[in-house]
Every structure is written in structure tokens, then in C-alpha cells.
Protein backbone atom coordinates (compact mmCIF):
# COMPACT_ATOMS: atom_id res chain seq x y z
CA MET A 1 42.21 -6.46 20.47
CA GLY A 2 44.05 -3.96 22.59
CA ASP A 3 45.86 -4.30 25.85
CA PRO A 4 43.64 -4.85 28.89
CA PRO A 5 43.27 -1.80 31.14
CA GLU A 6 45.68 -1.60 34.04
CA LEU A 7 44.08 -1.89 37.44
CA PRO A 8 45.60 0.04 40.34
CA LEU A 9 46.76 -2.18 43.19
CA LYS A 10 47.16 -0.76 46.68
CA LEU A 11 49.25 -2.28 49.43
CA LEU A 12 47.35 -2.08 52.69
CA LYS A 13 49.27 -1.69 55.90
CA GLY A 14 48.87 -4.49 58.39
CA GLY A 15 50.24 -7.81 59.49
CA ARG A 16 53.00 -8.53 61.94
CA THR A 17 56.13 -6.56 62.57
CA ASP A 18 59.51 -8.03 63.47
CA ASP A 19 58.75 -7.30 67.14
CA ASP A 20 55.53 -9.36 67.17
CA PRO A 21 55.76 -12.96 68.33
CA PRO A 22 54.99 -15.56 65.64
CA THR A 23 51.50 -17.07 65.74
CA GLY A 24 52.77 -20.56 65.04
CA ARG A 25 51.29 -20.98 61.60
CA PRO A 26 51.68 -18.90 58.47
CA LEU A 27 48.67 -17.79 56.46
CA PRO A 28 48.00 -20.33 53.70
CA ARG A 29 48.25 -19.16 50.09
CA GLU A 30 44.57 -19.93 49.47
CA ALA A 31 43.62 -17.42 52.17
CA LEU A 32 45.16 -14.59 50.15
CA ARG A 33 43.21 -12.99 47.36
CA VAL A 34 43.72 -9.99 45.08
CA ILE A 35 40.58 -7.92 44.68
CA PRO A 36 40.75 -5.76 41.58
CA GLY A 37 40.20 -2.08 42.22
CA GLY A 38 39.30 0.82 40.02
CA PRO A 39 35.92 1.74 38.60
CA ALA A 40 35.11 -1.83 37.51
CA GLY A 41 35.93 -3.44 40.85
CA ASP A 42 33.05 -4.96 42.81
CA LEU A 43 33.61 -3.11 46.05
CA GLN A 44 30.37 -4.26 47.70
CA ALA A 45 31.21 -7.93 47.17
CA ALA A 46 34.71 -7.36 48.54
CA ILE A 47 33.30 -5.65 51.63
CA GLU A 48 30.79 -8.45 52.23
CA GLU A 49 33.51 -11.07 51.86
CA THR A 50 35.71 -9.19 54.32
CA VAL A 51 32.88 -8.91 56.85
CA GLN A 52 32.16 -12.64 56.61
CA ALA A 53 35.84 -13.45 57.12
CA ALA A 54 35.99 -11.11 60.13
CA ARG A 55 32.92 -12.77 61.67
CA LYS A 56 34.47 -16.20 61.22
CA MET A 57 37.73 -15.03 62.80
CA ARG A 58 35.82 -13.52 65.73
CA GLN A 59 33.94 -16.79 66.27
CA GLU A 60 37.20 -18.76 66.24
CA ILE A 61 38.78 -16.36 68.73
CA GLU A 62 35.75 -16.56 71.04
CA GLU A 63 35.90 -20.37 70.90
CA ARG A 64 39.61 -20.33 71.79
CA ILE A 65 38.99 -17.98 74.70
CA ALA A 66 36.12 -20.16 75.99
CA LYS A 67 38.27 -23.28 75.72
CA ALA A 68 41.19 -21.61 77.52
CA LEU A 69 38.89 -20.44 80.31
CA GLU A 70 37.41 -23.92 80.72
CA GLU A 71 40.90 -25.41 80.99
CA LEU A 72 41.95 -22.71 83.44
CA PHE A 73 39.02 -23.14 85.80
């Protein structure tokens, strides 16, 4: 048995900067996931998972906005 092949990892730019105000809660460890890249990586599954997460985030944001508007008016 040989050594497993090395998979390239890329650091994607994003997140907060020091100038951004804190959101009040850090991202939990379970929310972070490493998706292997390279020729064997399942890019389609990673894209679908990202789209689902984005839709969920959008729904949560819309709910917060609706709640804030109800409280305001």
C-alpha cells in the first residue's frame, strides 16, 4: 500500500474583517466542512450542498426582516 494521493486545498476569501462588527455568535464547528478537491472531488454534490445552505440562509434572513418589520410597525 502506498501513500494516499495529496489533495489540493484552496483557501477561499471571505468572512469578516477586523472592521466588521461581530454578529454575536461564532460559526459552530459542525457548520464547517472540508470538501476534497482535485479530479476525484464530487464538485456537483458540493455545489448542491452550497446552494441548499444559501437557500436556508436566505429564508432565515427573510424571516428576521419580516419579524423586525412587524415589531417596527
